[in-house]
Amino acid sequence: MSYLSHIEVDDTGLPVPSPELEQERRVAVFDLQEGNSFRVLGDATGPYRLRLGMVNGRAVFDWQDVDGRSGSFHAALGALSEAARDYRAVCEAYSEAVKTLPPARIEEVDAARRAMHGEAARQLMERLADHAEIDDKTARRLFTLICAMTDTS
């Protein structure tokens, strides 16, 4: 059973999120708990409890499996930080587009948003490949959560 049964955000050292960002975090956690595929490489067996935090620009994944084994791995965000900034910008553009642009233009902005989100999720999967196996859907949701955790607006 390779999945996350519990996800907790460790916001130690993070700025206090706006109500909108806090809601985005809650939704991302909820979506992850509704369905995900996550397997720590090695002897650990799922399901897993995950505590996700940020330290010095790195995502910190503290996990514990059903048998009590635990561990931690870090993922340098590097280019993902840039992807998160770009993704937030296109999300803002999408929000504005919905208010003012015709449907065809809204669809174009939304397609760009989805493509950017997919590429960032692929990059996250690559970053985690030495530590854990995750599927595309889980990578997308984890990226959304990391994005919400790193937003400093």
N, C-alpha and C. Protein backbone atom coordinates (compact mmCIF):
# COMPACT_ATOMS: atom_id res chain seq x y z
N MET A 1 0.85 -1.18 0.00
CA MET A 1 0.00 0.00 0.00
C MET A 1 0.89 1.23 0.00
N SER A 2 1.13 1.77 -1.15
CA SER A 2 2.04 2.89 -1.31
C SER A 2 1.27 4.19 -1.50
N TYR A 3 0.91 4.77 -0.38
CA TYR A 3 0.21 6.04 -0.44
C TYR A 3 0.41 6.79 0.87
N LEU A 4 0.05 8.06 0.84
CA LEU A 4 0.11 8.89 2.03
C LEU A 4 -1.24 8.83 2.72
N SER A 5 -1.23 8.38 3.97
CA SER A 5 -2.48 8.31 4.73
C SER A 5 -2.72 9.58 5.51
N HIS A 6 -1.67 10.35 5.73
CA HIS A 6 -1.78 11.59 6.51
C HIS A 6 -0.73 12.57 6.01
N ILE A 7 -1.12 13.81 5.81
CA ILE A 7 -0.20 14.85 5.37
C ILE A 7 -0.34 16.02 6.33
N GLU A 8 0.78 16.48 6.81
CA GLU A 8 0.81 17.63 7.71
C GLU A 8 1.79 18.66 7.15
N VAL A 9 1.41 19.92 7.20
CA VAL A 9 2.29 21.00 6.78
C VAL A 9 3.00 21.54 8.01
N ASP A 10 4.32 21.53 7.96
CA ASP A 10 5.13 22.14 9.01
C ASP A 10 5.43 23.57 8.56
N ASP A 11 4.75 24.53 9.16
CA ASP A 11 4.93 25.91 8.72
C ASP A 11 5.94 26.68 9.57
N THR A 12 6.76 25.94 10.33
CA THR A 12 7.81 26.56 11.12
C THR A 12 8.72 27.39 10.21
N GLY A 13 8.88 28.65 10.55
CA GLY A 13 9.76 29.52 9.78
C GLY A 13 9.16 30.08 8.52
N LEU A 14 7.94 29.69 8.20
CA LEU A 14 7.28 30.23 7.01
C LEU A 14 6.49 31.48 7.39
N PRO A 15 6.33 32.39 6.45
CA PRO A 15 5.50 33.56 6.74
C PRO A 15 4.07 33.13 7.02
N VAL A 16 3.36 33.91 7.81
CA VAL A 16 1.96 33.61 8.07
C VAL A 16 1.22 33.76 6.74
N PRO A 17 0.53 32.70 6.32
CA PRO A 17 -0.13 32.77 5.01
C PRO A 17 -1.38 33.66 5.06
N SER A 18 -1.68 34.24 3.92
CA SER A 18 -2.94 34.97 3.79
C SER A 18 -4.08 33.95 3.90
N PRO A 19 -5.29 34.42 4.15
CA PRO A 19 -6.42 33.47 4.19
C PRO A 19 -6.54 32.67 2.89
N GLU A 20 -6.25 33.31 1.75
CA GLU A 20 -6.35 32.62 0.46
C GLU A 20 -5.30 31.51 0.35
N LEU A 21 -4.07 31.82 0.79
CA LEU A 21 -3.02 30.80 0.73
C LEU A 21 -3.29 29.67 1.72
N GLU A 22 -3.80 30.01 2.89
CA GLU A 22 -4.13 28.97 3.87
C GLU A 22 -5.20 28.03 3.29
N GLN A 23 -6.18 28.61 2.62
CA GLN A 23 -7.21 27.79 1.97
C GLN A 23 -6.60 26.92 0.88
N GLU A 24 -5.68 27.49 0.10
CA GLU A 24 -5.02 26.73 -0.96
C GLU A 24 -4.25 25.54 -0.37
N ARG A 25 -3.57 25.77 0.77
CA ARG A 25 -2.86 24.68 1.44
C ARG A 25 -3.82 23.60 1.90
N ARG A 26 -4.92 24.02 2.51
CA ARG A 26 -5.90 23.05 3.01
C ARG A 26 -6.47 22.21 1.86
N VAL A 27 -6.77 22.87 0.75
CA VAL A 27 -7.32 22.15 -0.41
C VAL A 27 -6.29 21.17 -0.96
N ALA A 28 -5.03 21.60 -1.06
CA ALA A 28 -3.98 20.71 -1.57
C ALA A 28 -3.82 19.48 -0.67
N VAL A 29 -3.82 19.70 0.65
CA VAL A 29 -3.71 18.57 1.59
C VAL A 29 -4.91 17.65 1.44
N PHE A 30 -6.11 18.23 1.37
CA PHE A 30 -7.31 17.43 1.21
C PHE A 30 -7.24 16.60 -0.06
N ASP A 31 -6.86 17.25 -1.18
CA ASP A 31 -6.76 16.53 -2.45
C ASP A 31 -5.75 15.39 -2.37
N LEU A 32 -4.62 15.64 -1.73
CA LEU A 32 -3.61 14.58 -1.58
C LEU A 32 -4.17 13.41 -0.77
N GLN A 33 -4.87 13.71 0.30
CA GLN A 33 -5.40 12.65 1.14
C GLN A 33 -6.52 11.88 0.46
N GLU A 34 -7.19 12.50 -0.48
CA GLU A 34 -8.26 11.83 -1.22
C GLU A 34 -7.72 10.78 -2.18
N GLY A 35 -6.51 10.99 -2.66
CA GLY A 35 -5.92 10.02 -3.58
C GLY A 35 -4.50 10.40 -3.93
N ASN A 36 -3.59 9.45 -3.77
CA ASN A 36 -2.20 9.70 -4.11
C ASN A 36 -1.48 8.38 -4.27
N SER A 37 -0.31 8.46 -4.84
CA SER A 37 0.58 7.30 -4.96
C SER A 37 1.96 7.76 -4.53
N PHE A 38 2.44 7.19 -3.44
CA PHE A 38 3.69 7.64 -2.83
C PHE A 38 4.37 6.41 -2.22
N ARG A 39 5.60 6.14 -2.67
CA ARG A 39 6.35 5.01 -2.12
C ARG A 39 7.78 5.45 -1.87
N VAL A 40 8.19 5.34 -0.63
CA VAL A 40 9.58 5.63 -0.26
C VAL A 40 10.43 4.48 -0.76
N LEU A 41 11.55 4.79 -1.40
CA LEU A 41 12.44 3.75 -1.89
C LEU A 41 13.16 3.08 -0.73
N GLY A 42 13.39 1.80 -0.82
CA GLY A 42 14.06 1.04 0.24
C GLY A 42 13.10 0.09 0.91
N ASP A 43 13.32 -0.14 2.20
CA ASP A 43 12.56 -1.15 2.93
C ASP A 43 11.24 -0.66 3.52
N ALA A 44 11.00 0.62 3.48
CA ALA A 44 9.79 1.16 4.08
C ALA A 44 8.56 0.68 3.31
N THR A 45 7.48 0.48 4.05
CA THR A 45 6.23 0.07 3.43
C THR A 45 5.13 1.03 3.85
N GLY A 46 4.27 1.34 2.92
CA GLY A 46 3.17 2.26 3.21
C GLY A 46 2.03 1.55 3.88
N PRO A 47 1.04 2.30 4.25
CA PRO A 47 0.90 3.72 4.00
C PRO A 47 1.84 4.55 4.88
N TYR A 48 2.01 5.82 4.47
CA TYR A 48 2.96 6.72 5.13
C TYR A 48 2.26 7.93 5.72
N ARG A 49 2.84 8.41 6.78
CA ARG A 49 2.49 9.72 7.33
C ARG A 49 3.58 10.66 6.85
N LEU A 50 3.19 11.83 6.35
CA LEU A 50 4.16 12.78 5.83
C LEU A 50 4.01 14.12 6.51
N ARG A 51 5.13 14.67 6.90
CA ARG A 51 5.19 16.04 7.40
C ARG A 51 6.06 16.80 6.41
N LEU A 52 5.48 17.78 5.73
CA LEU A 52 6.17 18.53 4.70
C LEU A 52 6.49 19.92 5.22
N GLY A 53 7.76 20.27 5.17
CA GLY A 53 8.19 21.58 5.61
C GLY A 53 9.15 22.21 4.62
N MET A 54 9.62 23.40 4.95
CA MET A 54 10.57 24.12 4.11
C MET A 54 11.71 24.60 5.02
N VAL A 55 12.94 24.34 4.59
CA VAL A 55 14.11 24.81 5.31
C VAL A 55 15.14 25.29 4.29
N ASN A 56 15.54 26.53 4.41
CA ASN A 56 16.58 27.10 3.53
C ASN A 56 16.33 26.82 2.04
N GLY A 57 15.12 27.04 1.61
CA GLY A 57 14.81 26.85 0.19
C GLY A 57 14.72 25.41 -0.25
N ARG A 58 14.58 24.51 0.69
CA ARG A 58 14.46 23.09 0.37
C ARG A 58 13.17 22.55 0.97
N ALA A 59 12.50 21.71 0.21
CA ALA A 59 11.32 21.03 0.75
C ALA A 59 11.82 19.84 1.57
N VAL A 60 11.31 19.71 2.78
CA VAL A 60 11.72 18.64 3.69
C VAL A 60 10.55 17.67 3.85
N PHE A 61 10.80 16.42 3.48
CA PHE A 61 9.79 15.37 3.57
C PHE A 61 10.17 14.46 4.73
N ASP A 62 9.48 14.59 5.86
CA ASP A 62 9.67 13.70 7.01
C ASP A 62 8.55 12.68 6.94
N TRP A 63 8.91 11.41 6.90
CA TRP A 63 7.90 10.37 6.73
C TRP A 63 8.03 9.30 7.81
N GLN A 64 6.93 8.60 8.01
CA GLN A 64 6.91 7.43 8.89
C GLN A 64 5.98 6.42 8.23
N ASP A 65 6.43 5.15 8.22
CA ASP A 65 5.59 4.14 7.59
C ASP A 65 4.76 3.40 8.64
N VAL A 66 3.94 2.52 8.18
CA VAL A 66 3.00 1.79 9.03
C VAL A 66 3.72 0.92 10.06
N ASP A 67 4.97 0.50 9.76
CA ASP A 67 5.74 -0.34 10.69
C ASP A 67 6.60 0.47 11.65
N GLY A 68 6.46 1.80 11.61
CA GLY A 68 7.21 2.65 12.51
C GLY A 68 8.56 3.12 11.99
N ARG A 69 8.95 2.63 10.83
CA ARG A 69 10.19 3.15 10.24
C ARG A 69 9.96 4.59 9.83
N SER A 70 11.01 5.38 9.94
CA SER A 70 10.86 6.79 9.57
C SER A 70 12.14 7.28 8.92
N GLY A 71 12.01 8.39 8.28
CA GLY A 71 13.15 8.98 7.62
C GLY A 71 12.80 10.37 7.12
N SER A 72 13.77 10.94 6.46
CA SER A 72 13.59 12.28 5.95
C SER A 72 14.41 12.43 4.68
N PHE A 73 13.91 13.18 3.76
CA PHE A 73 14.71 13.56 2.60
C PHE A 73 14.34 14.99 2.22
N HIS A 74 15.29 15.63 1.57
CA HIS A 74 15.12 17.03 1.17
C HIS A 74 15.13 17.10 -0.34
N ALA A 75 14.46 18.10 -0.86
CA ALA A 75 14.48 18.36 -2.30
C ALA A 75 14.78 19.84 -2.49
N ALA A 76 15.93 20.11 -3.09
CA ALA A 76 16.27 21.49 -3.41
C ALA A 76 15.26 21.99 -4.43
N LEU A 77 14.74 23.17 -4.20
CA LEU A 77 13.70 23.66 -5.10
C LEU A 77 14.28 24.31 -6.35
N GLY A 78 15.38 25.03 -6.23
CA GLY A 78 16.04 25.61 -7.40
C GLY A 78 15.09 26.10 -8.45
N ALA A 79 15.09 25.45 -9.60
CA ALA A 79 14.23 25.86 -10.72
C ALA A 79 12.75 25.74 -10.37
N LEU A 80 12.42 24.89 -9.40
CA LEU A 80 11.01 24.78 -9.00
C LEU A 80 10.52 26.07 -8.34
N SER A 81 11.42 26.79 -7.67
CA SER A 81 11.03 28.08 -7.09
C SER A 81 10.61 29.05 -8.19
N GLU A 82 11.38 29.04 -9.26
CA GLU A 82 11.04 29.89 -10.42
C GLU A 82 9.73 29.42 -11.04
N ALA A 83 9.56 28.12 -11.17
CA ALA A 83 8.32 27.57 -11.72
C ALA A 83 7.13 27.95 -10.84
N ALA A 84 7.34 27.94 -9.52
CA ALA A 84 6.26 28.31 -8.59
C ALA A 84 5.88 29.78 -8.78
N ARG A 85 6.88 30.65 -8.91
CA ARG A 85 6.60 32.08 -9.15
C ARG A 85 5.83 32.26 -10.46
N ASP A 86 6.31 31.60 -11.52
CA ASP A 86 5.65 31.71 -12.82
C ASP A 86 4.23 31.15 -12.76
N TYR A 87 4.06 30.05 -12.05
CA TYR A 87 2.74 29.43 -11.93
C TYR A 87 1.78 30.36 -11.19
N ARG A 88 2.26 30.97 -10.09
CA ARG A 88 1.40 31.91 -9.36
C ARG A 88 1.00 33.08 -10.27
N ALA A 89 1.94 33.57 -11.09
CA ALA A 89 1.64 34.68 -11.99
C ALA A 89 0.58 34.29 -13.01
N VAL A 90 0.70 33.10 -13.58
CA VAL A 90 -0.29 32.69 -14.58
C VAL A 90 -1.64 32.40 -13.91
N CYS A 91 -1.63 31.95 -12.66
CA CYS A 91 -2.89 31.75 -11.93
C CYS A 91 -3.59 33.10 -11.71
N GLU A 92 -2.80 34.13 -11.38
CA GLU A 92 -3.37 35.47 -11.22
C GLU A 92 -3.93 35.96 -12.55
N ALA A 93 -3.20 35.72 -13.63
CA ALA A 93 -3.67 36.11 -14.96
C ALA A 93 -4.97 35.38 -15.29
N TYR A 94 -5.05 34.12 -14.91
CA TYR A 94 -6.27 33.35 -15.16
C TYR A 94 -7.44 33.94 -14.38
N SER A 95 -7.20 34.28 -13.12
CA SER A 95 -8.27 34.87 -12.30
C SER A 95 -8.79 36.17 -12.92
N GLU A 96 -7.88 36.97 -13.43
CA GLU A 96 -8.28 38.22 -14.10
C GLU A 96 -8.97 37.93 -15.42
N ALA A 97 -8.48 36.94 -16.14
CA ALA A 97 -9.07 36.60 -17.44
C ALA A 97 -10.52 36.18 -17.28
N VAL A 98 -10.81 35.42 -16.25
CA VAL A 98 -12.17 34.95 -16.01
C VAL A 98 -13.13 36.13 -15.85
N LYS A 99 -12.62 37.21 -15.30
CA LYS A 99 -13.47 38.39 -15.06
C LYS A 99 -13.70 39.22 -16.31
N THR A 100 -12.75 39.20 -17.24
CA THR A 100 -12.83 40.19 -18.31
C THR A 100 -12.74 39.66 -19.74
N LEU A 101 -12.18 38.50 -19.94
CA LEU A 101 -11.92 38.04 -21.31
C LEU A 101 -12.99 37.09 -21.82
N PRO A 102 -13.09 36.98 -23.15
CA PRO A 102 -14.04 36.03 -23.73
C PRO A 102 -13.58 34.58 -23.47
N PRO A 103 -14.53 33.64 -23.54
CA PRO A 103 -14.22 32.24 -23.23
C PRO A 103 -13.02 31.66 -23.98
N ALA A 104 -12.86 31.98 -25.24
CA ALA A 104 -11.73 31.41 -26.00
C ALA A 104 -10.40 31.87 -25.40
N ARG A 105 -10.31 33.10 -25.01
CA ARG A 105 -9.07 33.62 -24.41
C ARG A 105 -8.85 33.02 -23.03
N ILE A 106 -9.91 32.83 -22.27
CA ILE A 106 -9.81 32.20 -20.95
C ILE A 106 -9.26 30.79 -21.10
N GLU A 107 -9.74 30.07 -22.11
CA GLU A 107 -9.25 28.71 -22.36
C GLU A 107 -7.77 28.70 -22.69
N GLU A 108 -7.29 29.69 -23.43
CA GLU A 108 -5.87 29.78 -23.76
C GLU A 108 -5.04 29.98 -22.49
N VAL A 109 -5.48 30.89 -21.65
CA VAL A 109 -4.74 31.16 -20.40
C VAL A 109 -4.76 29.91 -19.51
N ASP A 110 -5.92 29.24 -19.45
CA ASP A 110 -6.03 28.04 -18.63
C ASP A 110 -5.15 26.91 -19.17
N ALA A 111 -5.06 26.79 -20.49
CA ALA A 111 -4.19 25.77 -21.08
C ALA A 111 -2.73 26.04 -20.73
N ALA A 112 -2.34 27.30 -20.76
CA ALA A 112 -0.97 27.66 -20.37
C ALA A 112 -0.73 27.34 -18.89
N ARG A 113 -1.72 27.62 -18.06
CA ARG A 113 -1.61 27.32 -16.63
C ARG A 113 -1.45 25.82 -16.39
N ARG A 114 -2.27 25.03 -17.04
CA ARG A 114 -2.19 23.57 -16.88
C ARG A 114 -0.86 23.02 -17.37
N ALA A 115 -0.38 23.54 -18.51
CA ALA A 115 0.90 23.08 -19.05
C ALA A 115 2.04 23.42 -18.11
N MET A 116 2.03 24.61 -17.56
CA MET A 116 3.07 25.03 -16.63
C MET A 116 3.03 24.17 -15.36
N HIS A 117 1.83 23.88 -14.89
CA HIS A 117 1.66 23.04 -13.70
C HIS A 117 2.18 21.63 -13.96
N GLY A 118 1.87 21.10 -15.13
CA GLY A 118 2.33 19.76 -15.49
C GLY A 118 3.85 19.67 -15.59
N GLU A 119 4.47 20.68 -16.17
CA GLU A 119 5.93 20.69 -16.29
C GLU A 119 6.58 20.79 -14.91
N ALA A 120 6.05 21.62 -14.05
CA ALA A 120 6.60 21.74 -12.70
C ALA A 120 6.44 20.42 -11.94
N ALA A 121 5.32 19.76 -12.11
CA ALA A 121 5.11 18.46 -11.45
C ALA A 121 6.13 17.44 -11.96
N ARG A 122 6.40 17.46 -13.26
CA ARG A 122 7.41 16.55 -13.81
C ARG A 122 8.78 16.83 -13.20
N GLN A 123 9.13 18.09 -13.06
CA GLN A 123 10.40 18.46 -12.43
C GLN A 123 10.45 17.97 -10.98
N LEU A 124 9.34 18.09 -10.26
CA LEU A 124 9.30 17.62 -8.88
C LEU A 124 9.49 16.10 -8.83
N MET A 125 8.86 15.39 -9.73
CA MET A 125 9.03 13.92 -9.78
C MET A 125 10.50 13.57 -9.97
N GLU A 126 11.18 14.30 -10.84
CA GLU A 126 12.61 14.06 -11.07
C GLU A 126 13.42 14.35 -9.82
N ARG A 127 13.08 15.42 -9.12
CA ARG A 127 13.81 15.78 -7.89
C ARG A 127 13.65 14.72 -6.81
N LEU A 128 12.49 14.09 -6.78
CA LEU A 128 12.22 13.11 -5.72
C LEU A 128 12.60 11.68 -6.11
N ALA A 129 12.98 11.47 -7.36
CA ALA A 129 13.19 10.11 -7.89
C ALA A 129 14.20 9.28 -7.11
N ASP A 130 15.19 9.89 -6.48
CA ASP A 130 16.17 9.14 -5.69
C ASP A 130 15.64 8.74 -4.32
N HIS A 131 14.48 9.27 -3.95
CA HIS A 131 13.95 9.05 -2.60
C HIS A 131 12.58 8.38 -2.58
N ALA A 132 11.75 8.73 -3.55
CA ALA A 132 10.37 8.24 -3.53
C ALA A 132 9.83 8.16 -4.94
N GLU A 133 8.91 7.23 -5.13
CA GLU A 133 8.16 7.12 -6.38
C GLU A 133 6.80 7.76 -6.15
N ILE A 134 6.45 8.67 -7.05
CA ILE A 134 5.13 9.28 -7.00
C ILE A 134 4.58 9.31 -8.42
N ASP A 135 3.28 9.33 -8.52
CA ASP A 135 2.68 9.42 -9.84
C ASP A 135 2.46 10.88 -10.22
N ASP A 136 2.02 11.10 -11.44
CA ASP A 136 1.83 12.45 -11.95
C ASP A 136 0.82 13.23 -11.12
N LYS A 137 -0.28 12.60 -10.80
CA LYS A 137 -1.34 13.27 -10.03
C LYS A 137 -0.81 13.71 -8.66
N THR A 138 -0.06 12.85 -8.00
CA THR A 138 0.52 13.19 -6.70
C THR A 138 1.54 14.30 -6.84
N ALA A 139 2.36 14.24 -7.88
CA ALA A 139 3.36 15.29 -8.12
C ALA A 139 2.68 16.63 -8.33
N ARG A 140 1.59 16.64 -9.07
CA ARG A 140 0.87 17.89 -9.30
C ARG A 140 0.33 18.45 -7.98
N ARG A 141 -0.22 17.59 -7.17
CA ARG A 141 -0.78 18.06 -5.89
C ARG A 141 0.32 18.51 -4.93
N LEU A 142 1.43 17.77 -4.90
CA LEU A 142 2.56 18.19 -4.04
C LEU A 142 3.14 19.52 -4.52
N PHE A 143 3.24 19.70 -5.85
CA PHE A 143 3.72 20.98 -6.35
C PHE A 143 2.79 22.11 -5.92
N THR A 144 1.49 21.90 -6.02
CA THR A 144 0.53 22.92 -5.59
C THR A 144 0.75 23.27 -4.12
N LEU A 145 0.96 22.25 -3.30
CA LEU A 145 1.19 22.49 -1.87
C LEU A 145 2.50 23.24 -1.64
N ILE A 146 3.56 22.82 -2.29
CA ILE A 146 4.85 23.51 -2.15
C ILE A 146 4.73 24.94 -2.64
N CYS A 147 4.03 25.13 -3.73
CA CYS A 147 3.81 26.47 -4.28
C CYS A 147 3.11 27.35 -3.24
N ALA A 148 2.08 26.83 -2.62
CA ALA A 148 1.35 27.59 -1.60
C ALA A 148 2.23 27.84 -0.37
N MET A 149 3.14 26.93 -0.07
CA MET A 149 4.02 27.10 1.10
C MET A 149 5.11 28.13 0.84
N THR A 150 5.49 28.31 -0.43
CA THR A 150 6.60 29.20 -0.74
C THR A 150 6.14 30.58 -1.20
N ASP A 151 4.86 30.80 -1.29
CA ASP A 151 4.35 32.11 -1.72
C ASP A 151 4.61 33.14 -0.63
N THR A 152 5.27 34.21 -0.98
CA THR A 152 5.60 35.25 -0.01
C THR A 152 4.84 36.53 -0.28
N SER A 153 3.81 36.46 -1.12
CA SER A 153 3.05 37.69 -1.43
C SER A 153 2.14 38.08 -0.29
